[in-house]
Amino acid sequence: MHPVTPLRRAWAPVAVLVGWAVHDPDQAQRQLTRLTTTHLLVGLAVLIPAAALYGFLTWWFTHYAVTGTELRIRTGLLFRRTAHIRLERIQAVDVTQPLLARVAGVAKLKLDVIGTGKKDELAFLGASEARALRAELLARAAGFAPETAHEVGEAPERQLLRVPPGVLAVSLLLTGATWGTLLAAVVVPTLLWLATHNLWTVLATAVPLVGAAGANSAGRFVGEYDWTVAESPDGLRIDHGLLDRTHETVPPGRVQTVRIVEPLLWRRRRWVRVELDVAGSSNSLLLPVAPREIAESVVARVLPGVTVPTGEALSRPPRRAGRCRPLWWRGHGLAVTGAVFAARRGLLRRSLALVPHAKVQSVRLTQGPVRRALRLADVHVDTGANHTVTASLRDAAEAAELLRRQAERSRTGRRDAPPDRWMA
């Protein structure tokens, strides 16, 4: 790893002390009151070298190697751990640079691997070294020979879209979640103060609400700032971040579901948000905000040959569905094309989910007692990313036919689908 890495890991002993103090604040306060200046200086004289030694040793005993078939990561000072990551199971390789890492000229490499719950990472590498290693891993995952993979280099890219900061800021102001959390952060603590007159109760409630309001407004702006989407042979590349810069990749052929989200206040401007479900990857956002026409052109890059159904092409549930879900039944819709299963839900915040037939793992039909009485049913489509898309409140006879036909479409779709390979 890069020589800066020990500075990051040296904080572990300090974090242990902070965790103890937070866990038992009364005991920590009593111990602090007993400390003299001499005790404090002696403690710092022991803690700082111990933390520096821990950081150095963990860095010294961390190595990685790229073989012809796998990436090996060996860590551990007392307890050794060696991770063997098969190259053909790598789904995405992301380069992230927190603020201090950008200042130091280093980067963190994160790998999405099939069958793992969290990303493996290499932190930290030099920024240029991280990009070179990323390119080599992608080349080897694509099937290039080990002796030529390092010569392939970074695949060229062509920019498709860049979200202006002003558009991003306006979209956040027009999002209901932003104003909802801000309103809750003001109203709930006020009501608690009027009811209890207990400052600690108010603070215990207000701090999480203010944090949630900040995450839904300023936090999202900082994280989604300068959002750029580019096309390359190894997939769609996404760069974003004001303080922490992140370089992500949406791998080709691994997108299971695309959701086009349309909040109520965005419709007049024809803005949408595009979200993803990717097998073996935690990347879940393709576009934070974009005009609908541009968003649909980017979706066509993710799902080749797919045309997003228009609102007129979506069939609504029968009118009797209003007895089961008054008013909100109008927000549901369904369209099945030769390429995708498309289901819409939501009246104020519309969400249109697109599932390619080849990505459907199973199809289910469910009916509760109320729906049976109204001759309605729900059809659930399960994908490889452990998510489900539901066509709700369909006529029972239509749902039974949809179940049969969708199983056949999925079978033929998987048979005719191209291989999911990098740089294919």
Protein backbone atom coordinates (compact mmCIF):
# COMPACT_ATOMS: atom_id res chain seq x y z
CA MET A 1 0.00 0.00 0.00
CA HIS A 2 0.95 3.66 -0.25
CA PRO A 3 3.11 4.98 2.66
CA VAL A 4 0.25 7.34 3.65
CA THR A 5 -1.86 4.32 4.68
CA PRO A 6 -0.45 4.03 8.26
CA LEU A 7 -1.87 7.48 9.06
CA ARG A 8 -5.35 6.17 8.30
CA ARG A 9 -4.98 3.01 10.39
CA ALA A 10 -3.28 4.70 13.33
CA TRP A 11 -6.65 6.06 14.43
CA ALA A 12 -7.87 2.59 15.50
CA PRO A 13 -6.52 2.72 19.11
CA VAL A 14 -7.92 6.24 19.48
CA ALA A 15 -11.30 5.03 18.19
CA VAL A 16 -11.32 2.31 20.87
CA LEU A 17 -10.89 4.94 23.62
CA VAL A 18 -13.58 7.15 22.11
CA GLY A 19 -15.95 4.17 21.87
CA TRP A 20 -15.35 3.33 25.55
CA ALA A 21 -16.03 6.95 26.54
CA VAL A 22 -19.30 7.04 24.57
CA HIS A 23 -20.40 3.66 25.91
CA ASP A 24 -19.90 4.67 29.57
CA PRO A 25 -19.86 8.50 29.72
CA ASP A 26 -20.25 8.71 33.53
CA GLN A 27 -17.22 6.52 34.17
CA ALA A 28 -15.24 8.40 31.51
CA GLN A 29 -16.09 11.74 33.13
CA ARG A 30 -14.99 10.50 36.57
CA GLN A 31 -11.69 9.27 35.15
CA LEU A 32 -11.06 12.56 33.35
CA THR A 33 -11.61 14.59 36.53
CA ARG A 34 -8.88 12.57 38.27
CA LEU A 35 -6.30 13.25 35.58
CA THR A 36 -3.54 15.70 36.29
CA THR A 37 -1.42 17.46 33.68
CA THR A 38 1.38 14.95 34.28
CA HIS A 39 -0.96 11.98 33.80
CA LEU A 40 -2.33 13.52 30.60
CA LEU A 41 1.14 14.10 29.12
CA VAL A 42 2.27 10.57 30.05
CA GLY A 43 -0.91 9.15 28.46
CA LEU A 44 -0.33 11.06 25.24
CA ALA A 45 3.32 10.01 25.23
CA VAL A 46 2.20 6.36 25.33
CA LEU A 47 -0.89 6.61 23.10
CA ILE A 48 0.64 8.47 20.16
CA PRO A 49 3.63 6.11 19.65
CA ALA A 50 1.34 3.08 20.17
CA ALA A 51 -1.08 4.35 17.55
CA ALA A 52 1.77 5.11 15.15
CA LEU A 53 3.27 1.65 15.69
CA TYR A 54 -0.11 -0.04 15.12
CA GLY A 55 -0.62 1.90 11.88
CA PHE A 56 2.87 1.04 10.64
CA LEU A 57 2.60 -2.68 11.45
CA THR A 58 -0.83 -3.10 9.84
CA TRP A 59 0.52 -1.37 6.73
CA TRP A 60 3.69 -3.49 6.73
CA PHE A 61 1.71 -6.74 6.90
CA THR A 62 -0.81 -5.81 4.17
CA HIS A 63 0.02 -7.00 0.64
CA TYR A 64 -1.81 -7.66 -2.58
CA ALA A 65 -0.96 -9.62 -5.72
CA VAL A 66 -2.61 -10.12 -9.10
CA THR A 67 -2.23 -13.61 -10.55
CA GLY A 68 -3.54 -15.03 -13.81
CA THR A 69 -6.90 -15.93 -12.25
CA GLU A 70 -7.37 -13.93 -9.04
CA LEU A 71 -6.58 -10.93 -6.88
CA ARG A 72 -5.13 -11.83 -3.49
CA ILE A 73 -5.28 -9.49 -0.50
CA ARG A 74 -3.39 -10.50 2.65
CA THR A 75 -3.93 -8.58 5.88
CA GLY A 76 -3.57 -9.09 9.60
CA LEU A 77 -0.96 -8.51 12.28
CA LEU A 78 -1.89 -11.21 14.80
CA PHE A 79 -4.69 -12.95 12.89
CA ARG A 80 -3.85 -13.33 9.21
CA ARG A 81 -6.56 -13.12 6.54
CA THR A 82 -6.05 -13.81 2.85
CA ALA A 83 -8.85 -12.99 0.40
CA HIS A 84 -8.83 -14.79 -2.96
CA ILE A 85 -11.00 -12.80 -5.41
CA ARG A 86 -11.65 -14.58 -8.69
CA LEU A 87 -11.27 -12.12 -11.56
CA GLU A 88 -14.26 -13.47 -13.49
CA ARG A 89 -16.50 -12.76 -10.46
CA ILE A 90 -15.59 -9.08 -10.25
CA GLN A 91 -18.63 -7.00 -11.19
CA ALA A 92 -17.36 -3.45 -10.66
CA VAL A 93 -14.11 -1.74 -9.75
CA ASP A 94 -14.56 1.73 -8.24
CA VAL A 95 -11.93 4.34 -7.40
CA THR A 96 -12.84 6.63 -4.48
CA GLN A 97 -10.92 9.59 -3.09
CA PRO A 98 -11.99 11.06 0.25
CA LEU A 99 -11.08 14.72 0.75
CA LEU A 100 -7.81 14.11 2.62
CA ALA A 101 -6.87 11.36 0.17
CA ARG A 102 -7.29 13.83 -2.70
CA VAL A 103 -4.95 16.23 -0.91
CA ALA A 104 -2.38 13.46 -0.41
CA GLY A 105 -2.73 12.21 -4.00
CA VAL A 106 -3.92 8.72 -3.06
CA ALA A 107 -7.07 6.72 -3.80
CA LYS A 108 -9.03 3.72 -2.56
CA LEU A 109 -9.92 0.81 -4.85
CA LYS A 110 -13.28 -0.89 -4.13
CA LEU A 111 -14.36 -4.14 -5.76
CA ASP A 112 -17.90 -5.49 -6.14
CA VAL A 113 -17.76 -9.29 -6.23
CA ILE A 114 -20.59 -11.77 -6.78
CA GLY A 115 -21.67 -13.48 -3.58
CA THR A 116 -20.18 -11.00 -1.11
CA GLY A 117 -22.19 -8.72 1.13
CA LYS A 118 -19.68 -5.87 1.18
CA LYS A 119 -16.97 -4.50 -1.06
CA ASP A 120 -13.37 -5.62 -0.73
CA GLU A 121 -10.99 -2.69 -0.90
CA LEU A 122 -7.37 -1.68 -1.26
CA ALA A 123 -6.61 1.49 0.66
CA PHE A 124 -4.55 3.42 -0.10
CA LEU A 125 -2.79 3.38 -3.45
CA GLY A 126 -1.29 6.24 -5.41
CA ALA A 127 -3.99 7.81 -7.61
CA SER A 128 -2.26 6.83 -10.86
CA GLU A 129 -1.44 3.35 -9.52
CA ALA A 130 -5.09 2.81 -8.52
CA ARG A 131 -6.30 3.70 -12.02
CA ALA A 132 -3.66 1.47 -13.64
CA LEU A 133 -4.58 -1.47 -11.38
CA ARG A 134 -8.27 -0.91 -12.09
CA ALA A 135 -7.60 -1.02 -15.84
CA GLU A 136 -5.54 -4.20 -15.49
CA LEU A 137 -8.21 -5.95 -13.39
CA LEU A 138 -10.90 -5.07 -15.92
CA ALA A 139 -8.72 -6.28 -18.78
CA ARG A 140 -8.03 -9.60 -17.07
CA ALA A 141 -11.71 -10.00 -16.16
CA ALA A 142 -12.49 -9.46 -19.85
CA GLY A 143 -10.21 -12.36 -20.79
CA PHE A 144 -6.99 -10.61 -21.84
CA ALA A 145 -3.83 -12.61 -21.25
CA PRO A 146 -1.87 -11.64 -18.10
CA GLU A 147 1.19 -10.61 -20.11
CA THR A 148 -0.87 -8.15 -22.22
CA ALA A 149 -3.48 -7.00 -19.68
CA HIS A 150 -1.24 -4.32 -18.17
CA GLU A 151 -0.66 -2.89 -21.65
CA VAL A 152 -4.38 -2.43 -22.41
CA GLY A 153 -4.61 0.64 -20.17
CA GLU A 154 -7.68 2.67 -19.32
CA ALA A 155 -10.43 2.18 -21.87
CA PRO A 156 -11.42 5.39 -23.73
CA GLU A 157 -14.65 7.09 -22.71
CA ARG A 158 -17.22 9.43 -24.23
CA GLN A 159 -19.17 11.77 -21.97
CA LEU A 160 -22.95 11.38 -22.20
CA LEU A 161 -24.23 13.73 -19.50
CA ARG A 162 -23.11 16.13 -16.79
CA VAL A 163 -25.60 17.40 -14.19
CA PRO A 164 -25.13 21.17 -13.58
CA PRO A 165 -24.87 22.09 -9.87
CA GLY A 166 -27.73 24.58 -10.23
CA VAL A 167 -30.08 21.92 -11.60
CA LEU A 168 -29.11 19.55 -8.78
CA ALA A 169 -29.78 22.23 -6.14
CA VAL A 170 -33.21 23.10 -7.59
CA SER A 171 -34.15 19.41 -7.81
CA LEU A 172 -33.38 18.94 -4.11
CA LEU A 173 -35.50 21.98 -3.23
CA LEU A 174 -38.37 20.47 -5.22
CA THR A 175 -38.13 17.11 -3.44
CA GLY A 176 -40.79 16.37 -0.85
CA ALA A 177 -38.41 14.39 1.37
CA THR A 178 -36.23 17.48 1.84
CA TRP A 179 -39.07 19.65 3.12
CA GLY A 180 -40.63 16.76 5.07
CA THR A 181 -37.49 16.15 7.13
CA LEU A 182 -36.93 19.89 7.65
CA LEU A 183 -40.52 20.30 8.85
CA ALA A 184 -40.17 17.33 11.20
CA ALA A 185 -36.88 18.75 12.58
CA VAL A 186 -38.71 21.95 13.53
CA VAL A 187 -42.15 20.72 14.61
CA VAL A 188 -41.36 17.53 16.57
CA PRO A 189 -38.79 19.05 19.01
CA THR A 190 -41.09 22.04 19.55
CA LEU A 191 -44.02 19.79 20.48
CA LEU A 192 -41.80 17.70 22.77
CA TRP A 193 -40.58 20.84 24.57
CA LEU A 194 -44.15 22.05 25.09
CA ALA A 195 -45.18 18.62 26.40
CA THR A 196 -42.18 17.70 28.60
CA HIS A 197 -39.96 20.81 29.13
CA ASN A 198 -37.08 18.35 29.22
CA LEU A 199 -34.02 19.61 27.32
CA TRP A 200 -32.35 16.19 27.00
CA THR A 201 -35.48 14.63 25.50
CA VAL A 202 -35.70 17.44 22.97
CA LEU A 203 -32.01 17.15 22.05
CA ALA A 204 -32.18 13.35 21.75
CA THR A 205 -34.98 13.79 19.21
CA ALA A 206 -33.80 16.95 17.45
CA VAL A 207 -30.23 15.84 16.67
CA PRO A 208 -31.23 12.75 14.57
CA LEU A 209 -33.95 14.76 12.79
CA VAL A 210 -31.57 17.61 11.96
CA GLY A 211 -29.03 15.04 10.75
CA ALA A 212 -31.65 13.41 8.50
CA ALA A 213 -32.66 16.82 7.13
CA GLY A 214 -29.02 17.63 6.38
CA ALA A 215 -28.49 14.25 4.69
CA ASN A 216 -31.54 14.81 2.45
CA SER A 217 -30.43 18.26 1.39
CA ALA A 218 -26.81 19.36 1.86
CA GLY A 219 -25.53 15.78 2.15
CA ARG A 220 -27.07 14.73 -1.15
CA PHE A 221 -25.84 17.89 -2.86
CA VAL A 222 -22.26 17.26 -1.72
CA GLY A 223 -22.39 13.57 -2.67
CA GLU A 224 -24.08 14.06 -6.08
CA TYR A 225 -22.20 17.23 -7.06
CA ASP A 226 -20.74 17.33 -10.60
CA TRP A 227 -22.43 14.05 -11.53
CA THR A 228 -20.98 12.88 -14.84
CA VAL A 229 -21.91 9.81 -16.91
CA ALA A 230 -19.58 8.58 -19.64
CA GLU A 231 -19.66 5.56 -21.93
CA SER A 232 -16.71 3.19 -22.33
CA PRO A 233 -16.15 -0.41 -23.48
CA ASP A 234 -16.10 -1.61 -19.85
CA GLY A 235 -19.49 -0.06 -19.01
CA LEU A 236 -20.93 3.29 -18.00
CA ARG A 237 -18.58 5.33 -15.81
CA ILE A 238 -19.99 7.60 -13.13
CA ASP A 239 -17.93 10.37 -11.49
CA HIS A 240 -19.34 12.50 -8.67
CA GLY A 241 -18.63 14.22 -5.37
CA LEU A 242 -17.67 17.66 -4.10
CA LEU A 243 -15.46 16.69 -1.13
CA ASP A 244 -15.09 12.91 -1.56
CA ARG A 245 -14.62 12.08 -5.24
CA THR A 246 -15.96 8.72 -6.45
CA HIS A 247 -15.38 6.97 -9.79
CA GLU A 248 -17.87 4.11 -10.27
CA THR A 249 -18.59 1.70 -13.11
CA VAL A 250 -21.93 0.18 -14.10
CA PRO A 251 -20.83 -3.18 -15.59
CA PRO A 252 -22.39 -4.26 -18.88
CA GLY A 253 -25.02 -6.97 -18.77
CA ARG A 254 -25.36 -6.94 -14.97
CA VAL A 255 -28.19 -4.43 -14.62
CA GLN A 256 -31.26 -6.30 -13.37
CA THR A 257 -33.74 -3.43 -12.96
CA VAL A 258 -33.93 0.22 -13.97
CA ARG A 259 -36.31 2.53 -12.10
CA ILE A 260 -37.35 5.91 -13.51
CA VAL A 261 -38.57 8.00 -10.57
CA GLU A 262 -40.68 11.12 -11.15
CA PRO A 263 -41.53 13.20 -8.04
CA LEU A 264 -44.64 15.38 -8.23
CA LEU A 265 -42.84 18.76 -8.25
CA TRP A 266 -40.45 17.62 -11.01
CA ARG A 267 -43.13 16.82 -13.59
CA ARG A 268 -43.61 20.36 -14.83
CA ARG A 269 -39.90 20.49 -15.72
CA ARG A 270 -40.00 16.89 -17.06
CA TRP A 271 -37.15 15.83 -14.75
CA VAL A 272 -36.61 12.26 -13.60
CA ARG A 273 -34.23 10.29 -11.38
CA VAL A 274 -32.83 6.96 -12.62
CA GLU A 275 -31.99 4.20 -10.13
CA LEU A 276 -30.50 0.75 -10.72
CA ASP A 277 -30.38 -2.74 -9.27
CA VAL A 278 -27.08 -4.36 -10.29
CA ALA A 279 -26.25 -7.99 -9.53
CA GLY A 280 -23.25 -8.25 -7.24
CA SER A 281 -22.88 -4.47 -6.90
CA SER A 282 -24.00 -1.83 -4.42
CA ASN A 283 -24.06 0.94 -7.04
CA SER A 284 -27.72 1.99 -7.16
CA LEU A 285 -27.95 5.43 -8.80
CA LEU A 286 -27.43 6.22 -12.47
CA LEU A 287 -28.76 9.79 -12.68
CA PRO A 288 -29.73 12.04 -9.74
CA VAL A 289 -31.75 14.35 -12.03
CA ALA A 290 -32.03 14.78 -15.80
CA PRO A 291 -34.61 15.73 -18.45
CA ARG A 292 -36.73 12.72 -19.32
CA GLU A 293 -35.60 12.54 -22.96
CA ILE A 294 -31.91 12.52 -21.99
CA ALA A 295 -32.53 10.02 -19.18
CA GLU A 296 -34.26 7.64 -21.60
CA SER A 297 -31.30 7.84 -23.99
CA VAL A 298 -28.94 6.89 -21.12
CA VAL A 299 -31.26 4.03 -20.12
CA ALA A 300 -30.99 2.76 -23.70
CA ARG A 301 -27.20 2.49 -23.16
CA VAL A 302 -27.72 0.41 -20.01
CA LEU A 303 -30.45 -1.76 -21.55
CA PRO A 304 -29.64 -2.02 -25.28
CA GLY A 305 -32.69 -2.37 -27.48
CA VAL A 306 -35.12 -1.22 -24.77
CA THR A 307 -37.57 1.63 -25.34
CA VAL A 308 -39.13 3.16 -22.22
CA PRO A 309 -42.94 2.77 -22.45
CA THR A 310 -44.91 6.03 -22.46
CA GLY A 311 -47.67 6.76 -19.97
CA GLU A 312 -50.30 6.03 -22.62
CA ALA A 313 -48.80 2.58 -23.22
CA LEU A 314 -49.27 1.57 -19.58
CA SER A 315 -52.58 -0.16 -18.87
CA ARG A 316 -54.32 0.72 -15.60
CA PRO A 317 -55.94 -1.81 -13.26
CA PRO A 318 -59.72 -2.30 -13.58
CA ARG A 319 -61.89 0.32 -11.88
CA ARG A 320 -62.97 -2.08 -9.16
CA ALA A 321 -59.39 -1.90 -7.86
CA GLY A 322 -60.46 1.45 -6.34
CA ARG A 323 -62.39 -0.48 -3.69
CA CYS A 324 -59.14 -2.06 -2.56
CA ARG A 325 -56.93 1.04 -2.82
CA PRO A 326 -59.01 4.21 -3.24
CA LEU A 327 -57.50 6.93 -5.46
CA TRP A 328 -53.99 5.40 -5.34
CA TRP A 329 -55.04 2.62 -7.74
CA ARG A 330 -54.73 5.17 -10.57
CA GLY A 331 -50.95 5.31 -10.04
CA HIS A 332 -50.46 1.67 -11.01
CA GLY A 333 -49.75 0.62 -14.58
CA LEU A 334 -48.32 -2.25 -16.59
CA ALA A 335 -46.73 -2.70 -20.01
CA VAL A 336 -44.99 -5.80 -21.39
CA THR A 337 -42.88 -5.30 -24.52
CA GLY A 338 -40.68 -7.69 -26.42
CA ALA A 339 -37.71 -6.65 -24.25
CA VAL A 340 -38.93 -5.67 -20.76
CA PHE A 341 -41.55 -6.13 -18.07
CA ALA A 342 -42.53 -2.56 -17.03
CA ALA A 343 -44.59 -1.82 -13.91
CA ARG A 344 -45.46 1.62 -12.52
CA ARG A 345 -46.56 2.53 -9.02
CA GLY A 346 -47.16 5.71 -7.04
CA LEU A 347 -49.47 8.66 -7.54
CA LEU A 348 -47.44 11.56 -6.10
CA ARG A 349 -44.02 9.98 -6.58
CA ARG A 350 -44.23 7.82 -9.69
CA SER A 351 -41.76 5.00 -10.14
CA LEU A 352 -41.54 3.00 -13.37
CA ALA A 353 -39.52 -0.23 -13.02
CA LEU A 354 -38.08 -1.90 -16.13
CA VAL A 355 -36.96 -5.54 -15.90
CA PRO A 356 -35.41 -7.20 -18.99
CA HIS A 357 -37.03 -10.58 -19.60
CA ALA A 358 -33.62 -12.28 -19.51
CA LYS A 359 -33.04 -11.04 -15.93
CA VAL A 360 -36.25 -12.50 -14.45
CA GLN A 361 -35.45 -15.33 -12.02
CA SER A 362 -38.99 -16.25 -10.98
CA VAL A 363 -42.60 -15.10 -11.41
CA ARG A 364 -45.26 -15.32 -8.69
CA LEU A 365 -48.99 -14.59 -8.47
CA THR A 366 -50.49 -13.67 -5.08
CA GLN A 367 -54.08 -13.06 -3.95
CA GLY A 368 -55.30 -12.08 -0.50
CA PRO A 369 -58.93 -12.62 0.58
CA VAL A 370 -59.98 -9.09 -0.40
CA ARG A 371 -58.38 -9.34 -3.83
CA ARG A 372 -59.96 -12.75 -4.39
CA ALA A 373 -63.36 -11.29 -3.66
CA LEU A 374 -62.71 -8.45 -6.13
CA ARG A 375 -61.17 -10.83 -8.73
CA LEU A 376 -57.80 -9.06 -8.52
CA ALA A 377 -54.26 -10.38 -8.19
CA ASP A 378 -50.64 -9.19 -7.95
CA VAL A 379 -47.88 -10.51 -10.21
CA HIS A 380 -44.36 -10.40 -8.71
CA VAL A 381 -41.21 -10.61 -10.83
CA ASP A 382 -38.02 -11.54 -8.92
CA THR A 383 -34.62 -10.51 -10.28
CA GLY A 384 -31.04 -11.65 -9.76
CA ALA A 385 -30.30 -8.66 -7.51
CA ASN A 386 -32.66 -10.00 -4.80
CA HIS A 387 -35.30 -7.38 -5.64
CA THR A 388 -38.91 -7.74 -6.71
CA VAL A 389 -41.01 -5.70 -9.14
CA THR A 390 -44.78 -6.00 -8.70
CA ALA A 391 -47.66 -5.39 -11.08
CA SER A 392 -50.41 -4.69 -8.55
CA LEU A 393 -54.22 -4.91 -8.73
CA ARG A 394 -54.44 -6.68 -12.09
CA ASP A 395 -57.55 -8.55 -13.19
CA ALA A 396 -57.27 -12.15 -11.98
CA ALA A 397 -57.65 -13.68 -15.46
CA GLU A 398 -55.13 -11.19 -16.90
CA ALA A 399 -52.70 -11.96 -14.06
CA ALA A 400 -52.90 -15.72 -14.66
CA GLU A 401 -52.20 -15.23 -18.37
CA LEU A 402 -49.39 -12.78 -17.57
CA LEU A 403 -47.82 -15.34 -15.22
CA ARG A 404 -47.78 -18.00 -17.93
CA ARG A 405 -46.50 -15.74 -20.69
CA GLN A 406 -43.82 -14.09 -18.54
CA ALA A 407 -42.32 -17.44 -17.62
CA GLU A 408 -42.00 -18.24 -21.32
CA ARG A 409 -40.54 -14.78 -22.15
CA SER A 410 -37.91 -15.17 -19.43
CA ARG A 411 -36.92 -18.60 -20.67
CA THR A 412 -36.43 -17.46 -24.26
CA GLY A 413 -34.82 -14.19 -23.11
CA ARG A 414 -32.10 -16.00 -21.17
CA ARG A 415 -31.49 -18.32 -24.10
CA ASP A 416 -30.98 -15.46 -26.57
CA ALA A 417 -29.16 -13.03 -24.25
CA PRO A 418 -25.52 -12.17 -25.07
CA PRO A 419 -22.83 -13.18 -22.53
CA ASP A 420 -22.28 -10.87 -19.54
CA ARG A 421 -18.63 -10.03 -20.07
CA TRP A 422 -16.47 -6.98 -19.57
CA MET A 423 -15.60 -5.18 -22.80
CA ALA A 424 -17.75 -7.61 -24.80
